[in-house]
All heavy atoms as atom14 arrays in JSON, in Angstrom:
{
  "sequence": "FDHGDVDDLIELLDRRGLKWTGMSQEEAEDL",
  "atom14_mask": [
    [1, 1, 1, 1, 1, 1, 1, 1, 1, 1, 1, 0, 0, 0],
    [1, 1, 1, 1, 1, 1, 1, 1, 0, 0, 0, 0, 0, 0],
    [1, 1, 1, 1, 1, 1, 1, 1, 1, 1, 0, 0, 0, 0],
    [1, 1, 1, 1, 0, 0, 0, 0, 0, 0, 0, 0, 0, 0],
    [1, 1, 1, 1, 1, 1, 1, 1, 0, 0, 0, 0, 0, 0],
    [1, 1, 1, 1, 1, 1, 1, 0, 0, 0, 0, 0, 0, 0],
    [1, 1, 1, 1, 1, 1, 1, 1, 0, 0, 0, 0, 0, 0],
    [1, 1, 1, 1, 1, 1, 1, 1, 0, 0, 0, 0, 0, 0],
    [1, 1, 1, 1, 1, 1, 1, 1, 0, 0, 0, 0, 0, 0],
    [1, 1, 1, 1, 1, 1, 1, 1, 0, 0, 0, 0, 0, 0],
    [1, 1, 1, 1, 1, 1, 1, 1, 1, 0, 0, 0, 0, 0],
    [1, 1, 1, 1, 1, 1, 1, 1, 0, 0, 0, 0, 0, 0],
    [1, 1, 1, 1, 1, 1, 1, 1, 0, 0, 0, 0, 0, 0],
    [1, 1, 1, 1, 1, 1, 1, 1, 0, 0, 0, 0, 0, 0],
    [1, 1, 1, 1, 1, 1, 1, 1, 1, 1, 1, 0, 0, 0],
    [1, 1, 1, 1, 1, 1, 1, 1, 1, 1, 1, 0, 0, 0],
    [1, 1, 1, 1, 0, 0, 0, 0, 0, 0, 0, 0, 0, 0],
    [1, 1, 1, 1, 1, 1, 1, 1, 0, 0, 0, 0, 0, 0],
    [1, 1, 1, 1, 1, 1, 1, 1, 1, 0, 0, 0, 0, 0],
    [1, 1, 1, 1, 1, 1, 1, 1, 1, 1, 1, 1, 1, 1],
    [1, 1, 1, 1, 1, 1, 1, 0, 0, 0, 0, 0, 0, 0],
    [1, 1, 1, 1, 0, 0, 0, 0, 0, 0, 0, 0, 0, 0],
    [1, 1, 1, 1, 1, 1, 1, 1, 0, 0, 0, 0, 0, 0],
    [1, 1, 1, 1, 1, 1, 0, 0, 0, 0, 0, 0, 0, 0],
    [1, 1, 1, 1, 1, 1, 1, 1, 1, 0, 0, 0, 0, 0],
    [1, 1, 1, 1, 1, 1, 1, 1, 1, 0, 0, 0, 0, 0],
    [1, 1, 1, 1, 1, 1, 1, 1, 1, 0, 0, 0, 0, 0],
    [1, 1, 1, 1, 1, 0, 0, 0, 0, 0, 0, 0, 0, 0],
    [1, 1, 1, 1, 1, 1, 1, 1, 1, 0, 0, 0, 0, 0],
    [1, 1, 1, 1, 1, 1, 1, 1, 0, 0, 0, 0, 0, 0],
    [1, 1, 1, 1, 1, 1, 1, 1, 0, 0, 0, 0, 0, 0]
  ],
  "atom14_positions": [
    [[6.86, -13.13, -17.75], [7.67, -13.43, -16.56], [8.83, -14.36, -16.91], [9.97, -14.11, -16.56], [6.78, -14.06, -15.48], [7.47, -14.19, -14.15], [7.45, -13.14, -13.24], [8.14, -15.35, -13.8], [8.09, -13.24, -12.01], [8.78, -15.47, -12.57], [8.76, -14.41, -11.68], [0.0, 0.0, 0.0], [0.0, 0.0, 0.0], [0.0, 0.0, 0.0]],
    [[8.53, -15.44, -17.62], [9.57, -16.42, -17.97], [10.64, -15.84, -18.88], [11.8, -16.22, -18.79], [8.95, -17.66, -18.61], [8.17, -18.51, -17.62], [8.18, -18.2, -16.41], [7.53, -19.48, -18.08], [0.0, 0.0, 0.0], [0.0, 0.0, 0.0], [0.0, 0.0, 0.0], [0.0, 0.0, 0.0], [0.0, 0.0, 0.0], [0.0, 0.0, 0.0]],
    [[10.25, -14.93, -19.77], [11.21, -14.34, -20.71], [11.85, -13.07, -20.17], [12.71, -12.49, -20.84], [10.54, -14.05, -22.04], [10.11, -15.29, -22.75], [9.07, -15.32, -23.64], [10.57, -16.57, -22.7], [8.92, -16.54, -24.11], [9.81, -17.32, -23.54], [0.0, 0.0, 0.0], [0.0, 0.0, 0.0], [0.0, 0.0, 0.0], [0.0, 0.0, 0.0]],
    [[11.41, -12.62, -19.0], [11.99, -11.41, -18.42], [11.57, -10.15, -19.14], [12.31, -9.17, -19.16], [0.0, 0.0, 0.0], [0.0, 0.0, 0.0], [0.0, 0.0, 0.0], [0.0, 0.0, 0.0], [0.0, 0.0, 0.0], [0.0, 0.0, 0.0], [0.0, 0.0, 0.0], [0.0, 0.0, 0.0], [0.0, 0.0, 0.0], [0.0, 0.0, 0.0]],
    [[10.39, -10.16, -19.72], [9.89, -9.0, -20.44], [9.16, -8.07, -19.47], [7.94, -8.1, -19.34], [8.97, -9.43, -21.58], [8.69, -8.29, -22.54], [8.82, -7.11, -22.13], [8.32, -8.57, -23.69], [0.0, 0.0, 0.0], [0.0, 0.0, 0.0], [0.0, 0.0, 0.0], [0.0, 0.0, 0.0], [0.0, 0.0, 0.0], [0.0, 0.0, 0.0]],
    [[9.95, -7.28, -18.78], [9.43, -6.4, -17.73], [8.44, -5.38, -18.29], [7.43, -5.07, -17.66], [10.6, -5.71, -16.98], [10.08, -4.66, -16.01], [11.44, -6.76, -16.26], [0.0, 0.0, 0.0], [0.0, 0.0, 0.0], [0.0, 0.0, 0.0], [0.0, 0.0, 0.0], [0.0, 0.0, 0.0], [0.0, 0.0, 0.0], [0.0, 0.0, 0.0]],
    [[8.73, -4.85, -19.48], [7.82, -3.86, -20.07], [6.41, -4.45, -20.24], [5.42, -3.8, -19.93], [8.35, -3.36, -21.4], [9.65, -2.57, -21.24], [9.9, -2.02, -20.15], [10.42, -2.5, -22.22], [0.0, 0.0, 0.0], [0.0, 0.0, 0.0], [0.0, 0.0, 0.0], [0.0, 0.0, 0.0], [0.0, 0.0, 0.0], [0.0, 0.0, 0.0]],
    [[6.32, -5.69, -20.73], [5.02, -6.34, -20.87], [4.39, -6.62, -19.51], [3.18, -6.47, -19.34], [5.14, -7.64, -21.65], [5.18, -7.42, -23.16], [5.05, -6.26, -23.6], [5.37, -8.42, -23.89], [0.0, 0.0, 0.0], [0.0, 0.0, 0.0], [0.0, 0.0, 0.0], [0.0, 0.0, 0.0], [0.0, 0.0, 0.0], [0.0, 0.0, 0.0]],
    [[5.2, -7.05, -18.54], [4.68, -7.3, -17.19], [4.06, -6.04, -16.6], [2.97, -6.09, -16.02], [5.79, -7.79, -16.26], [6.12, -9.27, -16.31], [7.36, -9.56, -15.48], [4.95, -10.11, -15.84], [0.0, 0.0, 0.0], [0.0, 0.0, 0.0], [0.0, 0.0, 0.0], [0.0, 0.0, 0.0], [0.0, 0.0, 0.0], [0.0, 0.0, 0.0]],
    [[4.74, -4.94, -16.75], [4.23, -3.66, -16.23], [2.86, -3.36, -16.83], [1.91, -3.01, -16.13], [5.23, -2.52, -16.5], [6.47, -2.71, -15.62], [4.58, -1.15, -16.28], [7.62, -1.79, -15.97], [0.0, 0.0, 0.0], [0.0, 0.0, 0.0], [0.0, 0.0, 0.0], [0.0, 0.0, 0.0], [0.0, 0.0, 0.0], [0.0, 0.0, 0.0]],
    [[2.74, -3.54, -18.14], [1.48, -3.27, -18.82], [0.38, -4.24, -18.38], [-0.75, -3.83, -18.09], [1.68, -3.37, -20.33], [0.45, -3.05, -21.14], [0.7, -3.17, -22.63], [1.8, -2.83, -23.09], [-0.23, -3.61, -23.32], [0.0, 0.0, 0.0], [0.0, 0.0, 0.0], [0.0, 0.0, 0.0], [0.0, 0.0, 0.0], [0.0, 0.0, 0.0]],
    [[0.7, -5.53, -18.33], [-0.29, -6.54, -17.94], [-0.77, -6.33, -16.5], [-1.96, -6.44, -16.21], [0.3, -7.95, -18.1], [0.52, -8.41, -19.54], [1.46, -9.62, -19.57], [-0.81, -8.74, -20.21], [0.0, 0.0, 0.0], [0.0, 0.0, 0.0], [0.0, 0.0, 0.0], [0.0, 0.0, 0.0], [0.0, 0.0, 0.0], [0.0, 0.0, 0.0]],
    [[0.16, -6.06, -15.61], [-0.21, -5.87, -14.2], [-0.99, -4.57, -13.99], [-1.9, -4.51, -13.16], [1.04, -5.9, -13.32], [1.74, -7.26, -13.27], [3.07, -7.14, -12.53], [0.85, -8.31, -12.64], [0.0, 0.0, 0.0], [0.0, 0.0, 0.0], [0.0, 0.0, 0.0], [0.0, 0.0, 0.0], [0.0, 0.0, 0.0], [0.0, 0.0, 0.0]],
    [[-0.63, -3.55, -14.75], [-1.32, -2.27, -14.64], [-2.8, -2.41, -14.95], [-3.65, -1.75, -14.32], [-0.67, -1.24, -15.56], [-1.24, 0.15, -15.35], [-1.18, 0.65, -14.21], [-1.75, 0.73, -16.33], [0.0, 0.0, 0.0], [0.0, 0.0, 0.0], [0.0, 0.0, 0.0], [0.0, 0.0, 0.0], [0.0, 0.0, 0.0], [0.0, 0.0, 0.0]],
    [[-3.14, -3.3, -15.87], [-4.56, -3.54, -16.21], [-5.34, -4.05, -15.0], [-6.55, -3.9, -14.93], [-4.67, -4.57, -17.33], [-4.15, -4.1, -18.65], [-4.29, -5.2, -19.68], [-3.47, -4.91, -20.84], [-3.15, -5.8, -21.75], [-3.56, -7.04, -21.65], [-2.39, -5.46, -22.77], [0.0, 0.0, 0.0], [0.0, 0.0, 0.0], [0.0, 0.0, 0.0]],
    [[-4.65, -4.67, -14.06], [-5.28, -5.21, -12.84], [-5.05, -4.3, -11.64], [-5.35, -4.66, -10.51], [-4.74, -6.6, -12.54], [-5.21, -7.6, -13.55], [-4.99, -9.02, -13.09], [-5.85, -9.89, -13.86], [-7.09, -10.23, -13.51], [-7.59, -9.81, -12.39], [-7.8, -11.02, -14.29], [0.0, 0.0, 0.0], [0.0, 0.0, 0.0], [0.0, 0.0, 0.0]],
    [[-4.47, -3.13, -11.88], [-4.22, -2.2, -10.78], [-3.05, -2.61, -9.91], [-2.95, -2.18, -8.76], [0.0, 0.0, 0.0], [0.0, 0.0, 0.0], [0.0, 0.0, 0.0], [0.0, 0.0, 0.0], [0.0, 0.0, 0.0], [0.0, 0.0, 0.0], [0.0, 0.0, 0.0], [0.0, 0.0, 0.0], [0.0, 0.0, 0.0], [0.0, 0.0, 0.0]],
    [[-2.15, -3.44, -10.46], [-0.98, -3.92, -9.72], [0.29, -3.33, -10.3], [0.31, -2.92, -11.46], [-0.93, -5.46, -9.77], [-2.14, -6.17, -9.17], [-2.13, -7.64, -9.53], [-2.18, -5.98, -7.67], [0.0, 0.0, 0.0], [0.0, 0.0, 0.0], [0.0, 0.0, 0.0], [0.0, 0.0, 0.0], [0.0, 0.0, 0.0], [0.0, 0.0, 0.0]],
    [[1.34, -3.3, -9.52], [2.61, -2.71, -9.93], [3.72, -3.75, -9.93], [3.8, -4.59, -9.02], [3.01, -1.56, -8.98], [2.0, -0.45, -8.92], [1.95, 0.31, -10.21], [0.92, 1.43, -10.14], [0.5, 1.86, -11.45], [0.0, 0.0, 0.0], [0.0, 0.0, 0.0], [0.0, 0.0, 0.0], [0.0, 0.0, 0.0], [0.0, 0.0, 0.0]],
    [[4.59, -3.68, -10.92], [5.78, -4.52, -10.95], [6.8, -3.92, -9.99], [7.13, -2.75, -10.07], [6.36, -4.57, -12.36], [7.65, -5.33, -12.41], [8.88, -4.82, -12.68], [7.83, -6.73, -12.18], [9.82, -5.82, -12.62], [9.21, -7.0, -12.32], [6.99, -7.78, -11.85], [9.74, -8.26, -12.14], [7.51, -9.04, -11.68], [8.88, -9.27, -11.83]],
    [[7.28, -4.72, -9.04], [8.2, -4.23, -8.02], [9.59, -4.86, -8.17], [10.44, -4.67, -7.31], [7.65, -4.55, -6.62], [7.4, -5.95, -6.53], [6.38, -3.77, -6.34], [0.0, 0.0, 0.0], [0.0, 0.0, 0.0], [0.0, 0.0, 0.0], [0.0, 0.0, 0.0], [0.0, 0.0, 0.0], [0.0, 0.0, 0.0], [0.0, 0.0, 0.0]],
    [[9.78, -5.58, -9.24], [11.06, -6.26, -9.45], [12.04, -5.41, -10.22], [11.91, -4.19, -10.32], [0.0, 0.0, 0.0], [0.0, 0.0, 0.0], [0.0, 0.0, 0.0], [0.0, 0.0, 0.0], [0.0, 0.0, 0.0], [0.0, 0.0, 0.0], [0.0, 0.0, 0.0], [0.0, 0.0, 0.0], [0.0, 0.0, 0.0], [0.0, 0.0, 0.0]],
    [[12.99, -6.1, -10.81], [14.06, -5.43, -11.53], [13.58, -4.78, -12.82], [12.47, -5.02, -13.27], [15.18, -6.43, -11.82], [14.76, -7.6, -12.68], [16.05, -8.85, -12.85], [16.22, -9.44, -11.2], [0.0, 0.0, 0.0], [0.0, 0.0, 0.0], [0.0, 0.0, 0.0], [0.0, 0.0, 0.0], [0.0, 0.0, 0.0], [0.0, 0.0, 0.0]],
    [[14.45, -3.98, -13.38], [14.14, -3.29, -14.63], [14.3, -4.24, -15.81], [14.83, -5.35, -15.67], [15.11, -2.11, -14.82], [16.42, -2.61, -15.08], [0.0, 0.0, 0.0], [0.0, 0.0, 0.0], [0.0, 0.0, 0.0], [0.0, 0.0, 0.0], [0.0, 0.0, 0.0], [0.0, 0.0, 0.0], [0.0, 0.0, 0.0], [0.0, 0.0, 0.0]],
    [[13.86, -3.8, -16.97], [14.0, -4.58, -18.19], [15.47, -4.9, -18.45], [15.82, -6.04, -18.76], [13.41, -3.8, -19.39], [13.52, -4.52, -20.71], [12.59, -5.72, -20.8], [11.43, -5.63, -20.43], [13.09, -6.82, -21.28], [0.0, 0.0, 0.0], [0.0, 0.0, 0.0], [0.0, 0.0, 0.0], [0.0, 0.0, 0.0], [0.0, 0.0, 0.0]],
    [[16.32, -3.93, -18.27], [17.76, -4.12, -18.53], [18.36, -5.15, -17.57], [19.15, -6.0, -17.97], [18.51, -2.78, -18.43], [18.14, -1.79, -19.51], [16.8, -1.09, -19.25], [16.32, -1.04, -18.1], [16.21, -0.63, -20.25], [0.0, 0.0, 0.0], [0.0, 0.0, 0.0], [0.0, 0.0, 0.0], [0.0, 0.0, 0.0], [0.0, 0.0, 0.0]],
    [[17.99, -5.06, -16.29], [18.51, -6.02, -15.31], [18.02, -7.43, -15.61], [18.79, -8.39, -15.5], [18.07, -5.62, -13.89], [18.72, -4.35, -13.4], [18.06, -3.83, -12.14], [16.82, -3.86, -12.02], [18.81, -3.38, -11.24], [0.0, 0.0, 0.0], [0.0, 0.0, 0.0], [0.0, 0.0, 0.0], [0.0, 0.0, 0.0], [0.0, 0.0, 0.0]],
    [[16.77, -7.56, -16.03], [16.22, -8.89, -16.35], [16.93, -9.48, -17.56], [17.21, -10.68, -17.61], [14.72, -8.78, -16.6], [0.0, 0.0, 0.0], [0.0, 0.0, 0.0], [0.0, 0.0, 0.0], [0.0, 0.0, 0.0], [0.0, 0.0, 0.0], [0.0, 0.0, 0.0], [0.0, 0.0, 0.0], [0.0, 0.0, 0.0], [0.0, 0.0, 0.0]],
    [[17.27, -8.65, -18.53], [17.96, -9.14, -19.73], [19.37, -9.59, -19.4], [19.92, -10.46, -20.08], [17.99, -8.05, -20.79], [16.63, -7.77, -21.4], [16.6, -6.56, -22.3], [17.64, -5.86, -22.43], [15.53, -6.27, -22.85], [0.0, 0.0, 0.0], [0.0, 0.0, 0.0], [0.0, 0.0, 0.0], [0.0, 0.0, 0.0], [0.0, 0.0, 0.0]],
    [[19.97, -9.03, -18.36], [21.34, -9.37, -17.99], [21.45, -10.63, -17.12], [22.55, -11.1, -16.85], [22.0, -8.21, -17.23], [22.32, -7.04, -18.15], [22.37, -7.25, -19.38], [22.51, -5.93, -17.62], [0.0, 0.0, 0.0], [0.0, 0.0, 0.0], [0.0, 0.0, 0.0], [0.0, 0.0, 0.0], [0.0, 0.0, 0.0], [0.0, 0.0, 0.0]],
    [[20.31, -11.18, -16.69], [20.35, -12.37, -15.84], [20.98, -13.55, -16.57], [20.71, -13.78, -17.74], [18.94, -12.78, -15.41], [18.29, -11.93, -14.33], [16.86, -12.43, -14.1], [19.06, -11.98, -13.04], [0.0, 0.0, 0.0], [0.0, 0.0, 0.0], [0.0, 0.0, 0.0], [0.0, 0.0, 0.0], [0.0, 0.0, 0.0], [0.0, 0.0, 0.0]]
  ]
}
């Protein structure tokens, strides 16, 4: 979350049956 690694967030949340609803990896990198 702190580093904006959306791909990892998606994987971590998926293990708990949750979905990432925020920006894409590219958008997070551009912040």
